[in-house]
Protein backbone atom coordinates (compact mmCIF):
# COMPACT_ATOMS: atom_id res chain seq x y z
CA MET A 1 195.50 43.47 24.50
CA LYS A 2 199.26 44.84 25.08
CA LEU A 3 201.81 43.01 26.03
CA LYS A 4 202.28 45.44 29.37
CA GLU A 5 199.10 44.25 30.29
CA ILE A 6 198.89 40.53 29.93
CA LEU A 7 202.30 40.45 32.55
CA GLU A 8 200.59 42.49 34.81
CA LYS A 9 197.76 40.14 34.00
CA LYS A 10 199.66 36.79 35.05
CA ASN A 11 201.03 38.71 36.91
CA LYS A 12 204.91 37.54 35.38
CA LYS A 13 207.33 40.34 35.34
CA ALA A 14 209.90 40.85 32.57
CA LYS A 15 213.08 39.38 34.03
CA GLU A 16 210.74 35.98 34.46
CA LEU A 17 209.41 36.02 30.64
CA ALA A 18 213.12 36.54 28.97
CA ILE A 19 214.77 33.31 30.85
CA GLU A 20 211.92 31.38 29.70
CA ILE A 21 211.61 32.71 26.27
CA GLY A 22 215.87 33.17 25.84
CA THR A 23 216.45 36.99 25.81
CA ASP A 24 217.58 39.39 28.06
CA GLU A 25 215.02 41.91 30.08
CA PRO A 26 216.37 45.82 28.01
CA MET A 27 214.97 43.48 25.20
CA ILE A 28 211.88 42.18 26.54
CA SER A 29 211.48 45.83 27.57
CA LYS A 30 211.64 47.21 23.96
CA PHE A 31 208.96 44.33 22.92
CA VAL A 32 207.01 46.32 25.47
CA ASN A 33 208.06 50.06 24.66
CA TYR A 34 207.18 49.37 21.03
CA LYS A 35 210.75 50.04 20.16
CA CYS A 36 211.14 46.35 18.53
CA LEU A 37 208.96 43.25 17.21
CA PRO A 38 210.25 39.91 18.15
CA ILE A 39 211.35 38.03 15.93
CA PRO A 40 208.98 34.93 15.26
CA ALA A 41 210.22 32.68 17.56
CA GLN A 42 210.52 34.72 20.18
CA MET A 43 206.34 35.54 19.45
CA LYS A 44 206.03 32.13 19.83
CA GLY A 45 208.10 32.06 22.91
CA ILE A 46 205.20 35.18 24.08
CA CYS A 47 202.69 33.05 23.42
CA LYS A 48 203.66 30.15 24.93
CA SER A 49 204.36 31.66 28.75
CA LEU A 50 201.98 33.88 28.79
CA ASP A 51 199.22 31.63 26.69
CA CYS A 52 198.05 34.12 24.33
CA LYS A 53 197.86 34.79 21.17
CA VAL A 54 199.98 37.26 18.33
CA SER A 55 196.82 39.37 18.14
CA ASP A 56 195.97 39.47 22.42
CA VAL A 57 199.89 41.62 22.00
CA TYR A 58 199.96 43.84 18.83
CA THR A 59 197.19 45.05 17.36
CA ASP A 60 196.93 44.51 12.96
CA GLU A 61 198.58 48.00 12.90
CA GLU A 62 200.79 47.48 15.12
CA ILE A 63 202.31 43.75 13.11
CA TYR A 64 202.24 43.45 9.47
CA TYR A 65 200.38 40.13 8.58
CA GLN A 66 200.55 38.61 5.26
CA SER A 67 198.55 35.55 4.75
CA LYS A 68 199.79 32.44 3.46
CA ALA A 69 197.95 33.38 -0.01
CA LYS A 70 199.37 36.71 -0.36
CA LYS A 71 202.59 35.24 -0.27
CA GLN A 72 204.82 34.84 -3.18
CA ALA A 73 207.38 33.13 -4.44
CA ARG A 74 210.21 34.29 -3.89
CA GLU A 75 212.07 34.76 -7.58
CA PRO A 76 216.09 32.61 -7.92
CA LYS A 77 218.08 35.42 -7.42
CA GLU A 78 220.49 35.77 -10.46
CA LEU A 79 223.59 34.64 -8.15
CA ASP A 80 223.40 33.37 -4.92
CA PHE A 81 226.12 34.71 -2.52
CA TYR A 82 228.01 32.71 0.38
CA ASN A 83 229.23 35.96 2.78
CA LEU A 84 232.38 35.60 4.32
CA CYS A 85 234.65 37.19 7.47
CA VAL A 86 238.19 36.60 7.98
CA ARG A 87 240.57 37.64 10.11
CA LEU A 88 243.61 39.93 8.45
CA PRO A 89 246.43 41.60 10.40
CA ASN A 90 245.82 45.37 11.28
CA GLU A 91 248.07 45.77 8.55
CA ALA A 92 246.14 44.92 5.60
CA ARG A 93 243.55 48.21 6.47
CA LYS A 94 245.89 50.44 4.59
CA TYR A 95 245.70 47.61 1.14
CA LEU A 96 242.55 47.03 1.26
CA THR A 97 241.08 50.42 1.05
CA THR A 98 239.24 51.46 -2.37
CA GLU A 99 241.16 53.39 -3.80
CA ASN A 100 244.03 51.12 -3.46
CA LEU A 101 242.47 48.02 -5.19
CA GLU A 102 241.04 50.83 -7.96
CA LEU A 103 244.43 51.79 -8.91
CA VAL A 104 244.76 47.55 -9.39
CA GLY A 105 241.42 47.50 -11.11
CA TYR A 106 238.87 46.37 -8.59
CA LYS A 107 235.94 48.48 -7.86
CA ASN A 108 235.96 47.07 -4.22
CA ASN A 109 236.38 44.48 -1.57
CA SER A 110 233.72 42.27 -2.98
CA LYS A 111 235.15 42.47 -6.58
CA TRP A 112 239.10 42.19 -5.29
CA ILE A 113 237.49 38.42 -3.16
CA LEU A 114 235.31 37.40 -6.39
CA ALA A 115 239.06 37.73 -8.63
CA CYS A 116 240.62 36.24 -6.21
CA TYR A 117 237.43 33.11 -5.81
CA LYS A 118 238.10 32.40 -9.33
CA GLU A 119 241.51 32.37 -9.49
CA LEU A 120 240.99 29.84 -6.38
CA VAL A 121 238.32 27.60 -8.38
CA LEU A 122 241.11 27.01 -11.51
CA LYS A 123 243.73 26.17 -9.53
CA ILE A 124 241.78 23.57 -7.39
CA LYS A 125 240.51 22.46 -10.86
CA LYS A 126 243.82 22.03 -12.46
CA ALA A 127 244.94 20.49 -9.57
CA ARG A 128 242.51 18.06 -9.26
CA SER A 129 242.85 17.02 -12.73
CA GLN A 130 247.07 16.38 -12.19
CA LYS A 131 245.86 14.40 -9.71
CA GLN A 132 243.80 12.51 -11.42
CA ASN A 133 245.73 11.90 -14.24
CA GLU A 134 248.21 10.88 -12.26
CA ASN A 135 245.59 8.02 -10.37
CA GLU A 136 245.13 6.44 -13.56
CA PRO A 137 246.74 3.53 -14.61
CA THR A 138 249.03 3.95 -17.52
CA LYS A 139 248.71 2.06 -20.41
CA LYS A 140 251.76 0.60 -21.41
CA LEU A 141 252.02 1.37 -26.30
CA ILE A 142 254.27 -0.42 -27.92
CA ALA A 143 255.95 2.13 -30.16
CA PRO A 144 255.22 2.60 -33.60
CA THR A 145 258.55 0.71 -34.86
CA ILE A 146 258.05 -1.93 -32.96
CA ILE A 147 255.33 -2.44 -34.28
CA ASN A 148 256.16 -2.37 -37.42
CA LYS A 149 259.27 -4.92 -37.13
CA LYS A 150 256.62 -6.87 -36.13
CA ILE A 151 254.66 -6.69 -38.87
CA LYS A 152 257.42 -6.90 -41.20
CA LYS A 153 259.06 -10.27 -39.70
CA VAL A 154 254.80 -11.67 -39.72
CA ASN A 155 255.20 -11.01 -43.84
CA LYS A 156 258.04 -12.25 -44.02
CA GLU A 157 257.50 -15.44 -42.42
CA ASN A 158 253.92 -15.85 -44.46
């Protein structure tokens, strides 16, 4: 059964369904007209709201099912990345161009940011090391000349 037919059968308007699943009416229209498919959380909300199953709304051809048995463990990526979004002055546009970055030895913005990150890590490690050295109690060292004098004094007494 199609989503549009289920909505009509349940006497429910797209706007009501949108409110119930936390989206807007134009998005429900896209679902009804097969312009896009709902994300899993939305699909659960649709099924709950309309008291139906996913298979009632979409046929196997319309939606891709992957059984748990067929799922393969995802191989770990060599590098996991942290996405960063920053606000810079508008003037940065003219400096952060590929041409300018290549001029100073970077392939693109990401490579430049990665180099800045590596430099930051080194600075942080150095600062932490210095701070740790400052916080360690200083051991009083007796100068070798003082020790030698004490040994000679002990030797003379014996």
